[in-house]
C-alpha atoms as a PDB file:
ATOM      1  CA  MET A   1     109.239 149.245  57.019  1.00  0.00           C
ATOM      2  CA  GLN A   2     111.401 146.192  56.893  1.00  0.00           C
ATOM      3  CA  ILE A   3     109.729 142.734  56.571  1.00  0.00           C
ATOM      4  CA  PHE A   4     111.037 139.920  58.544  1.00  0.00           C
ATOM      5  CA  ASN A   5     110.943 136.198  58.095  1.00  0.00           C
ATOM      6  CA  SER A   6     107.808 135.239  60.228  1.00  0.00           C
ATOM      7  CA  SER A   7     109.461 132.286  61.900  1.00  0.00           C
ATOM      8  CA  LYS A   8     112.521 134.307  62.818  1.00  0.00           C
ATOM      9  CA  TYR A   9     110.363 137.203  64.054  1.00  0.00           C
ATOM     10  CA  LEU A  10     108.332 134.886  66.205  1.00  0.00           C
ATOM     11  CA  TYR A  11     111.611 133.495  67.788  1.00  0.00           C
ATOM     12  CA  MET A  12     112.964 136.993  68.304  1.00  0.00           C
ATOM     13  CA  GLU A  13     109.811 138.586  69.537  1.00  0.00           C
ATOM     14  CA  PRO A  14     109.886 137.078  73.158  1.00  0.00           C
ATOM     15  CA  ILE A  15     113.561 138.194  73.386  1.00  0.00           C
ATOM     16  CA  CYS A  16     112.824 141.584  72.305  1.00  0.00           C
ATOM     17  CA  GLN A  17     110.069 141.774  74.694  1.00  0.00           C
ATOM     18  CA  LEU A  18     112.403 140.472  77.563  1.00  0.00           C
ATOM     19  CA  LYS A  19     114.912 143.204  76.668  1.00  0.00           C
ATOM     20  CA  ASP A  20     112.054 146.039  76.825  1.00  0.00           C
ATOM     21  CA  ILE A  21     110.904 144.578  80.297  1.00  0.00           C
ATOM     22  CA  TYR A  22     114.601 144.563  81.555  1.00  0.00           C
ATOM     23  CA  LYS A  23     114.847 148.307  80.447  1.00  0.00           C
ATOM     24  CA  ILE A  24     111.588 149.093  82.322  1.00  0.00           C
ATOM     25  CA  LEU A  25     112.922 147.360  85.415  1.00  0.00           C
ATOM     26  CA  TYR A  26     116.372 148.871  85.207  1.00  0.00           C
ATOM     27  CA  ASN A  27     114.618 152.480  84.980  1.00  0.00           C
ATOM     28  CA  PHE A  28     112.457 151.623  87.933  1.00  0.00           C
ATOM     29  CA  GLU A  29     115.468 150.402  89.947  1.00  0.00           C
ATOM     30  CA  LYS A  30     117.516 153.508  88.930  1.00  0.00           C
ATOM     31  CA  GLU A  31     114.593 155.869  90.088  1.00  0.00           C
ATOM     32  CA  PHE A  32     114.356 153.741  93.404  1.00  0.00           C
ATOM     33  CA  SER A  33     117.947 154.213  94.071  1.00  0.00           C
ATOM     34  CA  GLU A  34     118.121 158.020  93.420  1.00  0.00           C
ATOM     35  CA  LYS A  35     114.964 158.476  95.555  1.00  0.00           C
ATOM     36  CA  ASN A  36     116.179 156.220  98.605  1.00  0.00           C
ATOM     37  CA  GLY A  37     119.988 156.496  98.166  1.00  0.00           C
ATOM     38  CA  ILE A  38     120.071 152.583  98.315  1.00  0.00           C
ATOM     39  CA  THR A  39     119.471 149.808  95.719  1.00  0.00           C
ATOM     40  CA  ILE A  40     116.515 147.718  95.610  1.00  0.00           C
ATOM     41  CA  ASN A  41     118.536 144.820  96.804  1.00  0.00           C
ATOM     42  CA  GLU A  42     119.664 146.860  99.776  1.00  0.00           C
ATOM     43  CA  GLY A  43     116.085 147.936 100.240  1.00  0.00           C
ATOM     44  CA  MET A  44     114.763 144.262 100.186  1.00  0.00           C
ATOM     45  CA  LEU A  45     117.382 143.252 102.769  1.00  0.00           C
ATOM     46  CA  LEU A  46     116.048 146.082 105.216  1.00  0.00           C
ATOM     47  CA  CYS A  47     112.613 145.038 104.438  1.00  0.00           C
ATOM     48  CA  CYS A  48     113.446 141.497 105.534  1.00  0.00           C
ATOM     49  CA  LEU A  49     114.779 142.787 108.973  1.00  0.00           C
ATOM     50  CA  LYS A  50     111.969 145.447 109.636  1.00  0.00           C
ATOM     51  CA  ASP A  51     110.103 143.154 111.925  1.00  0.00           C
ATOM     52  CA  GLY A  52     112.850 143.463 114.306  1.00  0.00           C
ATOM     53  CA  LYS A  53     113.683 139.732 114.447  1.00  0.00           C
ATOM     54  CA  PRO A  54     117.374 138.859 114.126  1.00  0.00           C
ATOM     55  CA  ARG A  55     118.152 136.901 110.934  1.00  0.00           C
ATOM     56  CA  ALA A  56     120.888 134.689 109.691  1.00  0.00           C
ATOM     57  CA  ALA A  57     122.508 135.319 106.340  1.00  0.00           C
ATOM     58  CA  THR A  58     120.622 132.252 104.910  1.00  0.00           C
ATOM     59  CA  GLU A  59     117.471 133.698 105.828  1.00  0.00           C
ATOM     60  CA  LEU A  60     118.409 136.841 104.096  1.00  0.00           C
ATOM     61  CA  CYS A  61     119.496 134.890 100.895  1.00  0.00           C
ATOM     62  CA  ASP A  62     116.069 133.031 100.769  1.00  0.00           C
ATOM     63  CA  PHE A  63     114.101 136.453 101.201  1.00  0.00           C
ATOM     64  CA  VAL A  64     116.057 138.392  98.859  1.00  0.00           C
ATOM     65  CA  GLY A  65     116.441 135.571  96.336  1.00  0.00           C
ATOM     66  CA  LEU A  66     120.088 136.186  95.237  1.00  0.00           C
ATOM     67  CA  SER A  67     123.039 133.891  95.480  1.00  0.00           C
ATOM     68  CA  ASN A  68     125.051 133.700  98.882  1.00  0.00           C
ATOM     69  CA  SER A  69     128.110 135.721  97.360  1.00  0.00           C
ATOM     70  CA  ARG A  70     125.813 138.468  96.025  1.00  0.00           C
ATOM     71  CA  VAL A  71     123.904 138.793  99.445  1.00  0.00           C
ATOM     72  CA  SER A  72     127.145 138.890 101.101  1.00  0.00           C
ATOM     73  CA  ARG A  73     128.037 142.032  99.109  1.00  0.00           C
ATOM     74  CA  VAL A  74     124.689 143.598  99.878  1.00  0.00           C
ATOM     75  CA  ILE A  75     125.112 142.821 103.521  1.00  0.00           C
ATOM     76  CA  ASN A  76     128.627 144.540 103.603  1.00  0.00           C
ATOM     77  CA  THR A  77     127.416 147.658 101.725  1.00  0.00           C
ATOM     78  CA  VAL A  78     124.249 148.038 104.067  1.00  0.00           C
ATOM     79  CA  GLU A  79     126.434 147.465 107.181  1.00  0.00           C
ATOM     80  CA  ALA A  80     128.936 150.058 105.870  1.00  0.00           C
ATOM     81  CA  LYS A  81     125.985 152.482 105.376  1.00  0.00           C
ATOM     82  CA  GLY A  82     125.332 151.803 109.279  1.00  0.00           C
ATOM     83  CA  TYR A  83     121.789 150.405 108.538  1.00  0.00           C
ATOM     84  CA  ILE A  84     122.461 146.885 109.895  1.00  0.00           C
ATOM     85  CA  MET A  85     124.712 145.167 112.496  1.00  0.00           C
ATOM     86  CA  ARG A  86     126.024 141.887 112.909  1.00  0.00           C
ATOM     87  CA  GLU A  87     126.610 139.675 115.844  1.00  0.00           C
ATOM     88  CA  MET A  88     127.867 136.092 116.546  1.00  0.00           C
ATOM     89  CA  GLY A  89     125.202 133.459 116.833  1.00  0.00           C
ATOM     90  CA  ILE A  90     124.767 132.259 120.349  1.00  0.00           C
ATOM     91  CA  LYS A  91     124.387 128.655 119.586  1.00  0.00           C
ATOM     92  CA  ASP A  92     126.924 128.485 116.694  1.00  0.00           C
ATOM     93  CA  LYS A  93     129.895 131.082 116.867  1.00  0.00           C
ATOM     94  CA  ARG A  94     130.345 130.665 113.137  1.00  0.00           C
ATOM     95  CA  GLN A  95     126.950 132.042 112.258  1.00  0.00           C
ATOM     96  CA  MET A  96     126.347 135.747 111.881  1.00  0.00           C
ATOM     97  CA  ILE A  97     123.024 137.263 112.904  1.00  0.00           C
ATOM     98  CA  PHE A  98     121.933 140.467 111.477  1.00  0.00           C
ATOM     99  CA  THR A  99     119.597 143.210 112.835  1.00  0.00           C
ATOM    100  CA  LEU A 100     118.592 146.756 111.972  1.00  0.00           C
ATOM    101  CA  THR A 101     120.170 149.654 113.544  1.00  0.00           C
ATOM    102  CA  GLU A 102     118.326 152.764 114.642  1.00  0.00           C
ATOM    103  CA  GLN A 103     119.546 154.316 111.215  1.00  0.00           C
ATOM    104  CA  GLY A 104     118.321 151.296 109.419  1.00  0.00           C
ATOM    105  CA  LYS A 105     114.934 151.422 111.022  1.00  0.00           C
ATOM    106  CA  GLN A 106     114.710 155.122 110.030  1.00  0.00           C
ATOM    107  CA  LYS A 107     115.661 154.256 106.387  1.00  0.00           C
ATOM    108  CA  THR A 108     112.870 151.610 106.206  1.00  0.00           C
ATOM    109  CA  LYS A 109     110.261 154.270 107.574  1.00  0.00           C
ATOM    110  CA  GLU A 110     111.412 156.707 104.847  1.00  0.00           C
ATOM    111  CA  MET A 111     111.146 154.106 102.056  1.00  0.00           C
ATOM    112  CA  GLN A 112     107.599 153.182 103.260  1.00  0.00           C
ATOM    113  CA  MET A 113     106.582 156.866 103.431  1.00  0.00           C
ATOM    114  CA  GLN A 114     107.754 157.423  99.859  1.00  0.00           C
ATOM    115  CA  GLY A 115     105.830 154.337  98.657  1.00  0.00           C
ATOM    116  CA  MET A 116     106.080 152.866  94.990  1.00  0.00           C
ATOM    117  CA  ASP A 117     103.776 152.899  92.112  1.00  0.00           C
ATOM    118  CA  LEU A 118     103.886 149.338  91.268  1.00  0.00           C
ATOM    119  CA  SER A 119     100.683 149.679  89.314  1.00  0.00           C
ATOM    120  CA  ALA A 120     102.486 152.055  86.737  1.00  0.00           C
ATOM    121  CA  LEU A 121     105.271 149.530  86.599  1.00  0.00           C
ATOM    122  CA  ALA A 122     102.852 146.690  85.932  1.00  0.00           C
ATOM    123  CA  GLN A 123     100.999 148.670  83.155  1.00  0.00           C
ATOM    124  CA  GLN A 124     104.290 149.258  81.456  1.00  0.00           C
ATOM    125  CA  ILE A 125     105.148 145.597  81.517  1.00  0.00           C
ATOM    126  CA  SER A 126     101.480 144.701  80.412  1.00  0.00           C
ATOM    127  CA  LYS A 127     101.809 146.874  77.438  1.00  0.00           C
ATOM    128  CA  ILE A 128     104.985 145.066  76.270  1.00  0.00           C
ATOM    129  CA  LEU A 129     103.310 141.671  76.777  1.00  0.00           C
ATOM    130  CA  GLY A 130     100.142 142.843  74.791  1.00  0.00           C
END
């Protein structure tokens, strides 16, 4: 067993914990993607639209919590998969409004039926945090 300088170890421990949490989240996202055929970010975007209300890109950014450029890429991917459609805004023709397609509604139902075991995820993270 290697002995660490205690002050250096205390500084590194949170970084190591963060690395381990990142690995757990990465594996969770990978499993989600394999089960659902979409990424977590794509799933969150569909979730934002599942109530049927048309939303502007800024609302999607706020909901998903990513930068405008990243959400723009997610929008393009989900649109290419046929899950959402875009229309011009009525008042402001520069604004794009997004809604779920029938295929998108079906995908959100499929995701809800599969469920997610967030308690297992929380337990894994709790073990790391001690």
